[in-house]
Amino acid sequence: RTRLPETGFACHLCGERFNKKDKLRQHMHSHMKEKFFKCDICGEKFLDKTQLDLHRPKHFFRCENCGEGFVKYADLKAHSVKHDSVSKFTCFVCRKSFPYKSILMAHIDIHNTGAFECDHCYAKFNGRSQLSKHYFAHHST
């Protein structure tokens, strides 16, 4: 069997290539008899469930404010409205906003890798909470 070059018309279901569009059309009819696994979000069809399962995460949308995930973009947009009325806490480094101060403080730690230093022994830590644990374990009386 000879392989066609990467030009021509490719079947989006199985990848087989044809040099003429009508040959591709004929080939597509052979797929009509097969059982499809259809993505309920975008309608794309797959020959097996594994391909569909690999495709599904492409449609996962995560809220930048709180991290909650949604399968549908419309659900994310509806969810995002609740953050609009919440007072926001903004990172002074990257200007990203968060609904809660505790989330902002945890976020700021990523900008300060190794920046938390113990005043007593000068040990360095990646996060404020790690420094606090160290202090209470080694320097509190």
C-alpha atoms as a PDB file:
ATOM      1  CA  ARG A   1       0.000   0.000   0.000  1.00  0.00           C
ATOM      2  CA  THR A   2       1.496   3.331  -1.010  1.00  0.00           C
ATOM      3  CA  ARG A   3       1.286   6.327   1.272  1.00  0.00           C
ATOM      4  CA  LEU A   4       0.061   9.633  -0.045  1.00  0.00           C
ATOM      5  CA  PRO A   5       2.045  12.744   0.792  1.00  0.00           C
ATOM      6  CA  GLU A   6       0.777  15.038   3.550  1.00  0.00           C
ATOM      7  CA  THR A   7      -1.287  16.914   0.947  1.00  0.00           C
ATOM      8  CA  GLY A   8      -4.746  16.056  -0.299  1.00  0.00           C
ATOM      9  CA  PHE A   9      -7.886  15.434   1.704  1.00  0.00           C
ATOM     10  CA  ALA A  10      -7.723  13.773   5.119  1.00  0.00           C
ATOM     11  CA  CYS A  11     -10.518  12.026   6.951  1.00  0.00           C
ATOM     12  CA  HIS A  12     -10.936  13.814  10.284  1.00  0.00           C
ATOM     13  CA  LEU A  13     -12.149  10.593  11.925  1.00  0.00           C
ATOM     14  CA  CYS A  14      -9.430   8.105  11.012  1.00  0.00           C
ATOM     15  CA  GLY A  15      -6.708  10.175   9.308  1.00  0.00           C
ATOM     16  CA  GLU A  16      -6.781   8.305   5.996  1.00  0.00           C
ATOM     17  CA  ARG A  17      -5.851  10.594   3.078  1.00  0.00           C
ATOM     18  CA  PHE A  18      -7.271  10.847  -0.439  1.00  0.00           C
ATOM     19  CA  ASN A  19      -6.093  12.702  -3.517  1.00  0.00           C
ATOM     20  CA  LYS A  20      -9.648  13.673  -4.534  1.00  0.00           C
ATOM     21  CA  LYS A  21     -12.440  15.203  -2.508  1.00  0.00           C
ATOM     22  CA  ASP A  22     -15.077  12.829  -3.923  1.00  0.00           C
ATOM     23  CA  LYS A  23     -12.986   9.836  -2.761  1.00  0.00           C
ATOM     24  CA  LEU A  24     -12.985  11.317   0.729  1.00  0.00           C
ATOM     25  CA  ARG A  25     -16.782  11.748   0.534  1.00  0.00           C
ATOM     26  CA  GLN A  26     -17.191   8.083  -0.427  1.00  0.00           C
ATOM     27  CA  HIS A  27     -14.905   7.073   2.403  1.00  0.00           C
ATOM     28  CA  MET A  28     -16.912   9.158   4.897  1.00  0.00           C
ATOM     29  CA  HIS A  29     -20.008   7.105   4.056  1.00  0.00           C
ATOM     30  CA  SER A  30     -18.195   4.028   5.372  1.00  0.00           C
ATOM     31  CA  HIS A  31     -17.950   5.749   8.749  1.00  0.00           C
ATOM     32  CA  MET A  32     -21.696   6.423   8.772  1.00  0.00           C
ATOM     33  CA  LYS A  33     -22.257   2.741   9.529  1.00  0.00           C
ATOM     34  CA  GLU A  34     -19.924   2.831  12.510  1.00  0.00           C
ATOM     35  CA  LYS A  35     -20.940   3.705  16.040  1.00  0.00           C
ATOM     36  CA  PHE A  36     -19.690   7.145  17.082  1.00  0.00           C
ATOM     37  CA  PHE A  37     -18.848   8.624  20.434  1.00  0.00           C
ATOM     38  CA  LYS A  38     -20.016  12.228  20.208  1.00  0.00           C
ATOM     39  CA  CYS A  39     -18.741  15.063  22.385  1.00  0.00           C
ATOM     40  CA  ASP A  40     -21.819  16.566  24.036  1.00  0.00           C
ATOM     41  CA  ILE A  41     -20.125  19.972  24.198  1.00  0.00           C
ATOM     42  CA  CYS A  42     -18.817  20.582  20.665  1.00  0.00           C
ATOM     43  CA  GLY A  43     -20.390  17.715  18.698  1.00  0.00           C
ATOM     44  CA  GLU A  44     -17.094  16.290  17.431  1.00  0.00           C
ATOM     45  CA  LYS A  45     -17.329  12.549  16.770  1.00  0.00           C
ATOM     46  CA  PHE A  46     -14.829   9.861  17.703  1.00  0.00           C
ATOM     47  CA  LEU A  47     -14.494   6.225  16.716  1.00  0.00           C
ATOM     48  CA  ASP A  48     -13.906   5.036  20.266  1.00  0.00           C
ATOM     49  CA  LYS A  49     -14.554   6.173  23.824  1.00  0.00           C
ATOM     50  CA  THR A  50     -10.834   6.547  24.580  1.00  0.00           C
ATOM     51  CA  GLN A  51     -10.470   9.255  21.913  1.00  0.00           C
ATOM     52  CA  LEU A  52     -13.523  11.047  23.322  1.00  0.00           C
ATOM     53  CA  ASP A  53     -12.122  10.814  26.863  1.00  0.00           C
ATOM     54  CA  LEU A  54      -8.822  12.324  25.681  1.00  0.00           C
ATOM     55  CA  HIS A  55     -10.744  15.121  23.930  1.00  0.00           C
ATOM     56  CA  ARG A  56     -13.052  16.115  26.835  1.00  0.00           C
ATOM     57  CA  PRO A  57     -10.457  17.938  28.997  1.00  0.00           C
ATOM     58  CA  LYS A  58     -10.049  20.495  26.180  1.00  0.00           C
ATOM     59  CA  HIS A  59     -13.434  21.832  27.269  1.00  0.00           C
ATOM     60  CA  PHE A  60     -12.552  22.262  30.935  1.00  0.00           C
ATOM     61  CA  PHE A  61     -12.639  25.908  31.976  1.00  0.00           C
ATOM     62  CA  ARG A  62     -11.142  27.023  35.305  1.00  0.00           C
ATOM     63  CA  CYS A  63     -12.122  30.183  37.193  1.00  0.00           C
ATOM     64  CA  GLU A  64      -9.048  32.393  37.636  1.00  0.00           C
ATOM     65  CA  ASN A  65     -10.439  33.863  40.853  1.00  0.00           C
ATOM     66  CA  CYS A  66     -11.226  30.764  42.898  1.00  0.00           C
ATOM     67  CA  GLY A  67     -10.016  27.784  40.855  1.00  0.00           C
ATOM     68  CA  GLU A  68     -13.428  26.127  40.451  1.00  0.00           C
ATOM     69  CA  GLY A  69     -13.716  24.157  37.189  1.00  0.00           C
ATOM     70  CA  PHE A  70     -16.530  23.983  34.638  1.00  0.00           C
ATOM     71  CA  VAL A  71     -17.204  21.784  31.631  1.00  0.00           C
ATOM     72  CA  LYS A  72     -19.150  24.509  29.810  1.00  0.00           C
ATOM     73  CA  TYR A  73     -17.764  27.991  29.142  1.00  0.00           C
ATOM     74  CA  ALA A  74     -21.234  29.479  29.680  1.00  0.00           C
ATOM     75  CA  ASP A  75     -21.267  28.029  33.207  1.00  0.00           C
ATOM     76  CA  LEU A  76     -17.880  29.624  33.918  1.00  0.00           C
ATOM     77  CA  LYS A  77     -19.152  33.016  32.703  1.00  0.00           C
ATOM     78  CA  ALA A  78     -22.269  32.717  34.878  1.00  0.00           C
ATOM     79  CA  HIS A  79     -20.095  31.756  37.857  1.00  0.00           C
ATOM     80  CA  SER A  80     -17.666  34.656  37.238  1.00  0.00           C
ATOM     81  CA  VAL A  81     -20.439  37.191  37.854  1.00  0.00           C
ATOM     82  CA  LYS A  82     -20.404  36.370  41.561  1.00  0.00           C
ATOM     83  CA  HIS A  83     -16.772  37.487  41.760  1.00  0.00           C
ATOM     84  CA  ASP A  84     -17.617  40.899  40.281  1.00  0.00           C
ATOM     85  CA  SER A  85     -19.502  41.977  43.400  1.00  0.00           C
ATOM     86  CA  VAL A  86     -16.892  40.587  45.795  1.00  0.00           C
ATOM     87  CA  SER A  87     -14.184  42.943  47.025  1.00  0.00           C
ATOM     88  CA  LYS A  88     -11.007  41.953  45.275  1.00  0.00           C
ATOM     89  CA  PHE A  89      -7.495  41.555  46.573  1.00  0.00           C
ATOM     90  CA  THR A  90      -4.879  42.329  43.938  1.00  0.00           C
ATOM     91  CA  CYS A  91      -1.333  40.980  43.762  1.00  0.00           C
ATOM     92  CA  PHE A  92       1.118  43.902  43.681  1.00  0.00           C
ATOM     93  CA  VAL A  93       3.551  41.845  41.565  1.00  0.00           C
ATOM     94  CA  CYS A  94       1.401  40.534  38.696  1.00  0.00           C
ATOM     95  CA  ARG A  95      -1.886  42.471  39.244  1.00  0.00           C
ATOM     96  CA  LYS A  96      -3.966  39.257  39.403  1.00  0.00           C
ATOM     97  CA  SER A  97      -7.090  39.619  41.585  1.00  0.00           C
ATOM     98  CA  PHE A  98      -8.487  37.213  44.170  1.00  0.00           C
ATOM     99  CA  PRO A  99     -11.784  37.157  46.093  1.00  0.00           C
ATOM    100  CA  TYR A 100     -10.162  36.376  49.453  1.00  0.00           C
ATOM    101  CA  LYS A 101      -7.071  37.747  51.169  1.00  0.00           C
ATOM    102  CA  SER A 102      -5.947  34.238  52.172  1.00  0.00           C
ATOM    103  CA  ILE A 103      -5.865  33.154  48.514  1.00  0.00           C
ATOM    104  CA  LEU A 104      -3.893  36.292  47.603  1.00  0.00           C
ATOM    105  CA  MET A 105      -1.365  35.619  50.387  1.00  0.00           C
ATOM    106  CA  ALA A 106      -0.856  32.037  49.196  1.00  0.00           C
ATOM    107  CA  HIS A 107      -0.462  33.348  45.625  1.00  0.00           C
ATOM    108  CA  ILE A 108       2.120  35.975  46.622  1.00  0.00           C
ATOM    109  CA  ASP A 109       4.303  33.195  48.009  1.00  0.00           C
ATOM    110  CA  ILE A 110       4.917  31.932  44.452  1.00  0.00           C
ATOM    111  CA  HIS A 111       6.593  35.252  43.621  1.00  0.00           C
ATOM    112  CA  ASN A 112       8.816  35.029  46.693  1.00  0.00           C
ATOM    113  CA  THR A 113      10.466  31.637  46.338  1.00  0.00           C
ATOM    114  CA  GLY A 114      13.104  31.452  49.051  1.00  0.00           C
ATOM    115  CA  ALA A 115      12.290  34.982  50.191  1.00  0.00           C
ATOM    116  CA  PHE A 116      11.085  34.157  53.714  1.00  0.00           C
ATOM    117  CA  GLU A 117      14.076  34.324  56.041  1.00  0.00           C
ATOM    118  CA  CYS A 118      14.193  33.491  59.732  1.00  0.00           C
ATOM    119  CA  ASP A 119      15.413  36.479  61.800  1.00  0.00           C
ATOM    120  CA  HIS A 120      17.089  34.147  64.313  1.00  0.00           C
ATOM    121  CA  CYS A 121      19.046  31.631  62.221  1.00  0.00           C
ATOM    122  CA  TYR A 122      18.668  33.029  58.671  1.00  0.00           C
ATOM    123  CA  ALA A 123      17.150  29.813  57.302  1.00  0.00           C
ATOM    124  CA  LYS A 124      15.152  30.513  54.132  1.00  0.00           C
ATOM    125  CA  PHE A 125      11.683  29.229  53.280  1.00  0.00           C
ATOM    126  CA  ASN A 126       9.440  29.329  50.217  1.00  0.00           C
ATOM    127  CA  GLY A 127       6.313  30.313  52.104  1.00  0.00           C
ATOM    128  CA  ARG A 128       5.219  32.392  55.083  1.00  0.00           C
ATOM    129  CA  SER A 129       3.500  29.374  56.666  1.00  0.00           C
ATOM    130  CA  GLN A 130       6.703  27.305  56.419  1.00  0.00           C
ATOM    131  CA  LEU A 131       8.641  30.096  58.136  1.00  0.00           C
ATOM    132  CA  SER A 132       6.022  30.285  60.911  1.00  0.00           C
ATOM    133  CA  LYS A 133       6.160  26.527  61.514  1.00  0.00           C
ATOM    134  CA  HIS A 134       9.964  26.705  61.653  1.00  0.00           C
ATOM    135  CA  TYR A 135       9.892  29.625  64.086  1.00  0.00           C
ATOM    136  CA  PHE A 136       7.466  27.980  66.502  1.00  0.00           C
ATOM    137  CA  ALA A 137       9.321  24.646  66.318  1.00  0.00           C
ATOM    138  CA  HIS A 138      12.824  26.052  66.855  1.00  0.00           C
ATOM    139  CA  HIS A 139      12.740  29.550  68.348  1.00  0.00           C
ATOM    140  CA  SER A 140       9.610  30.010  70.474  1.00  0.00           C
ATOM    141  CA  THR A 141       9.908  29.653  74.250  1.00  0.00           C
END
